[in-house]
Amino acid sequence: MCLKQKRGRKGEDIACKYLQRNNYTVIDRNFRCRQGEVDIIACDEQEKELVFFEVKTRSNLKYGRPSEAVQKTKQNHIISVAKYYIYKNRIKNIPIRFDVIEIFLNHSNNKINHIKKAF
């Protein structure tokens, strides 16, 4: 596994722990299909919504904010994956939303920025 993949996996692990501490139930991770991949699928227990998360992890801002990497093309892929996931699992009458979680890795502590209804 290359450094970029390790960083991404670490960011997803941090995001899952964050979500569990904040009243989310993680249902699936790295759900893949022909249309693409979704990093985390979780249920927001407070809002009673199914949430599809894109997690972006960075150790610096050399290439911009992590959320800036979730451009329209990536958003469309995630929406297509979500539609397939909903169809495959016969999910009905549950509101959904799309969030982005930015993880800033730092040697002393990590910063998390949860962007609700990102797209």
C-alpha atoms as a PDB file:
ATOM      1  CA  MET A   1       0.000   0.000   0.000  1.00  0.00           C
ATOM      2  CA  CYS A   2       1.468   3.359  -1.015  1.00  0.00           C
ATOM      3  CA  LEU A   3       1.758   6.377   1.267  1.00  0.00           C
ATOM      4  CA  LYS A   4      -1.261   8.101  -0.293  1.00  0.00           C
ATOM      5  CA  GLN A   5      -3.436   5.022   0.288  1.00  0.00           C
ATOM      6  CA  LYS A   6      -2.219   4.695   3.885  1.00  0.00           C
ATOM      7  CA  ARG A   7      -3.012   8.358   4.526  1.00  0.00           C
ATOM      8  CA  GLY A   8      -6.473   7.913   3.013  1.00  0.00           C
ATOM      9  CA  ARG A   9      -7.157   4.786   5.089  1.00  0.00           C
ATOM     10  CA  LYS A  10      -6.015   6.577   8.255  1.00  0.00           C
ATOM     11  CA  GLY A  11      -8.305   9.510   7.425  1.00  0.00           C
ATOM     12  CA  GLU A  12     -11.269   7.164   6.930  1.00  0.00           C
ATOM     13  CA  ASP A  13     -10.530   5.468  10.271  1.00  0.00           C
ATOM     14  CA  ILE A  14     -10.439   8.861  12.005  1.00  0.00           C
ATOM     15  CA  ALA A  15     -13.684   9.866  10.262  1.00  0.00           C
ATOM     16  CA  CYS A  16     -15.448   6.667  11.391  1.00  0.00           C
ATOM     17  CA  LYS A  17     -14.423   7.231  15.012  1.00  0.00           C
ATOM     18  CA  TYR A  18     -15.609  10.842  14.769  1.00  0.00           C
ATOM     19  CA  LEU A  19     -18.969   9.747  13.341  1.00  0.00           C
ATOM     20  CA  GLN A  20     -19.513   7.116  16.024  1.00  0.00           C
ATOM     21  CA  ARG A  21     -18.835   9.723  18.731  1.00  0.00           C
ATOM     22  CA  ASN A  22     -21.400  12.024  17.099  1.00  0.00           C
ATOM     23  CA  ASN A  23     -24.505   9.803  16.909  1.00  0.00           C
ATOM     24  CA  TYR A  24     -23.887   8.170  13.538  1.00  0.00           C
ATOM     25  CA  THR A  25     -24.061   4.450  12.873  1.00  0.00           C
ATOM     26  CA  VAL A  26     -21.534   3.394  10.249  1.00  0.00           C
ATOM     27  CA  ILE A  27     -23.257   0.972   7.885  1.00  0.00           C
ATOM     28  CA  ASP A  28     -20.628   0.419   5.202  1.00  0.00           C
ATOM     29  CA  ARG A  29     -17.126   1.498   4.204  1.00  0.00           C
ATOM     30  CA  ASN A  30     -15.579   1.679   0.761  1.00  0.00           C
ATOM     31  CA  PHE A  31     -18.728   0.568  -1.023  1.00  0.00           C
ATOM     32  CA  ARG A  32     -17.768  -0.057  -4.646  1.00  0.00           C
ATOM     33  CA  CYS A  33     -19.743  -0.689  -7.780  1.00  0.00           C
ATOM     34  CA  ARG A  34     -19.315  -0.031 -11.475  1.00  0.00           C
ATOM     35  CA  GLN A  35     -20.214   3.640 -11.019  1.00  0.00           C
ATOM     36  CA  GLY A  36     -17.477   4.307  -8.447  1.00  0.00           C
ATOM     37  CA  GLU A  37     -16.951   4.256  -4.691  1.00  0.00           C
ATOM     38  CA  VAL A  38     -18.303   5.879  -1.551  1.00  0.00           C
ATOM     39  CA  ASP A  39     -15.928   6.074   1.420  1.00  0.00           C
ATOM     40  CA  ILE A  40     -18.479   5.788   4.243  1.00  0.00           C
ATOM     41  CA  ILE A  41     -22.215   5.188   4.411  1.00  0.00           C
ATOM     42  CA  ALA A  42     -23.792   5.953   7.770  1.00  0.00           C
ATOM     43  CA  CYS A  43     -27.083   6.693   9.440  1.00  0.00           C
ATOM     44  CA  ASP A  44     -27.426  10.057  11.179  1.00  0.00           C
ATOM     45  CA  GLU A  45     -29.373   8.921  14.242  1.00  0.00           C
ATOM     46  CA  GLN A  46     -30.479  12.455  15.190  1.00  0.00           C
ATOM     47  CA  GLU A  47     -31.741  13.504  11.753  1.00  0.00           C
ATOM     48  CA  LYS A  48     -32.815   9.983  10.697  1.00  0.00           C
ATOM     49  CA  GLU A  49     -30.999  10.374   7.374  1.00  0.00           C
ATOM     50  CA  LEU A  50     -28.834   8.044   5.333  1.00  0.00           C
ATOM     51  CA  VAL A  51     -25.576   9.858   4.673  1.00  0.00           C
ATOM     52  CA  PHE A  52     -22.999   9.192   1.970  1.00  0.00           C
ATOM     53  CA  PHE A  53     -19.568  10.521   2.968  1.00  0.00           C
ATOM     54  CA  GLU A  54     -16.548  11.433   0.912  1.00  0.00           C
ATOM     55  CA  VAL A  55     -13.463  11.636   3.132  1.00  0.00           C
ATOM     56  CA  LYS A  56     -10.512  13.723   1.999  1.00  0.00           C
ATOM     57  CA  THR A  57      -7.288  13.630   3.973  1.00  0.00           C
ATOM     58  CA  ARG A  58      -4.370  16.028   3.691  1.00  0.00           C
ATOM     59  CA  SER A  59      -1.192  16.679   5.648  1.00  0.00           C
ATOM     60  CA  ASN A  60      -0.788  20.180   4.181  1.00  0.00           C
ATOM     61  CA  LEU A  61      -2.633  22.677   2.006  1.00  0.00           C
ATOM     62  CA  LYS A  62      -0.130  22.612  -0.851  1.00  0.00           C
ATOM     63  CA  TYR A  63      -2.842  21.456  -3.251  1.00  0.00           C
ATOM     64  CA  GLY A  64      -5.721  23.349  -1.623  1.00  0.00           C
ATOM     65  CA  ARG A  65      -8.383  22.387   0.882  1.00  0.00           C
ATOM     66  CA  PRO A  66      -9.369  18.721   0.850  1.00  0.00           C
ATOM     67  CA  SER A  67     -12.999  19.490   0.001  1.00  0.00           C
ATOM     68  CA  GLU A  68     -11.917  21.314  -3.164  1.00  0.00           C
ATOM     69  CA  ALA A  69     -10.968  17.911  -4.601  1.00  0.00           C
ATOM     70  CA  VAL A  70     -14.646  16.878  -4.572  1.00  0.00           C
ATOM     71  CA  GLN A  71     -15.531  18.534  -7.838  1.00  0.00           C
ATOM     72  CA  LYS A  72     -18.653  18.075  -9.950  1.00  0.00           C
ATOM     73  CA  THR A  73     -17.420  14.908 -11.683  1.00  0.00           C
ATOM     74  CA  LYS A  74     -16.640  13.228  -8.348  1.00  0.00           C
ATOM     75  CA  GLN A  75     -19.977  14.382  -6.950  1.00  0.00           C
ATOM     76  CA  ASN A  76     -21.810  12.824  -9.910  1.00  0.00           C
ATOM     77  CA  HIS A  77     -19.982   9.523  -9.361  1.00  0.00           C
ATOM     78  CA  ILE A  78     -20.936   9.502  -5.677  1.00  0.00           C
ATOM     79  CA  ILE A  79     -24.571  10.277  -6.521  1.00  0.00           C
ATOM     80  CA  SER A  80     -24.605   7.389  -9.021  1.00  0.00           C
ATOM     81  CA  VAL A  81     -23.125   5.024  -6.430  1.00  0.00           C
ATOM     82  CA  ALA A  82     -25.705   6.190  -3.883  1.00  0.00           C
ATOM     83  CA  LYS A  83     -28.549   5.513  -6.320  1.00  0.00           C
ATOM     84  CA  TYR A  84     -27.240   2.007  -6.922  1.00  0.00           C
ATOM     85  CA  TYR A  85     -26.760   1.392  -3.184  1.00  0.00           C
ATOM     86  CA  ILE A  86     -30.343   2.492  -2.485  1.00  0.00           C
ATOM     87  CA  TYR A  87     -31.668   0.304  -5.310  1.00  0.00           C
ATOM     88  CA  LYS A  88     -29.560  -2.734  -4.328  1.00  0.00           C
ATOM     89  CA  ASN A  89     -30.576  -2.523  -0.663  1.00  0.00           C
ATOM     90  CA  ARG A  90     -34.226  -1.693  -1.420  1.00  0.00           C
ATOM     91  CA  ILE A  91     -34.128   1.428   0.721  1.00  0.00           C
ATOM     92  CA  LYS A  92     -37.344   3.424   0.661  1.00  0.00           C
ATOM     93  CA  ASN A  93     -38.720   6.506   2.367  1.00  0.00           C
ATOM     94  CA  ILE A  94     -35.459   7.506   4.051  1.00  0.00           C
ATOM     95  CA  PRO A  95     -34.026  10.976   3.403  1.00  0.00           C
ATOM     96  CA  ILE A  96     -30.439  11.017   2.156  1.00  0.00           C
ATOM     97  CA  ARG A  97     -27.686  13.581   2.045  1.00  0.00           C
ATOM     98  CA  PHE A  98     -24.105  13.910   0.883  1.00  0.00           C
ATOM     99  CA  ASP A  99     -21.401  15.119   3.280  1.00  0.00           C
ATOM    100  CA  VAL A 100     -17.670  15.676   2.997  1.00  0.00           C
ATOM    101  CA  ILE A 101     -15.279  15.146   5.878  1.00  0.00           C
ATOM    102  CA  GLU A 102     -11.931  16.891   5.680  1.00  0.00           C
ATOM    103  CA  ILE A 103      -9.138  15.389   7.762  1.00  0.00           C
ATOM    104  CA  PHE A 104      -6.026  17.468   8.382  1.00  0.00           C
ATOM    105  CA  LEU A 105      -3.257  15.179   9.640  1.00  0.00           C
ATOM    106  CA  ASN A 106      -0.778  16.740  12.021  1.00  0.00           C
ATOM    107  CA  HIS A 107       1.922  15.200  14.202  1.00  0.00           C
ATOM    108  CA  SER A 108       0.439  16.565  17.442  1.00  0.00           C
ATOM    109  CA  ASN A 109      -3.288  16.348  16.660  1.00  0.00           C
ATOM    110  CA  ASN A 110      -5.664  15.873  13.761  1.00  0.00           C
ATOM    111  CA  LYS A 111      -8.337  18.363  12.734  1.00  0.00           C
ATOM    112  CA  ILE A 112     -11.713  17.287  11.384  1.00  0.00           C
ATOM    113  CA  ASN A 113     -14.052  19.481   9.371  1.00  0.00           C
ATOM    114  CA  HIS A 114     -17.471  17.939   8.722  1.00  0.00           C
ATOM    115  CA  ILE A 115     -19.298  19.652   5.858  1.00  0.00           C
ATOM    116  CA  LYS A 116     -22.969  18.676   5.951  1.00  0.00           C
ATOM    117  CA  LYS A 117     -25.033  18.823   2.755  1.00  0.00           C
ATOM    118  CA  ALA A 118     -21.847  19.446   0.774  1.00  0.00           C
ATOM    119  CA  PHE A 119     -23.636  18.777  -2.529  1.00  0.00           C
END
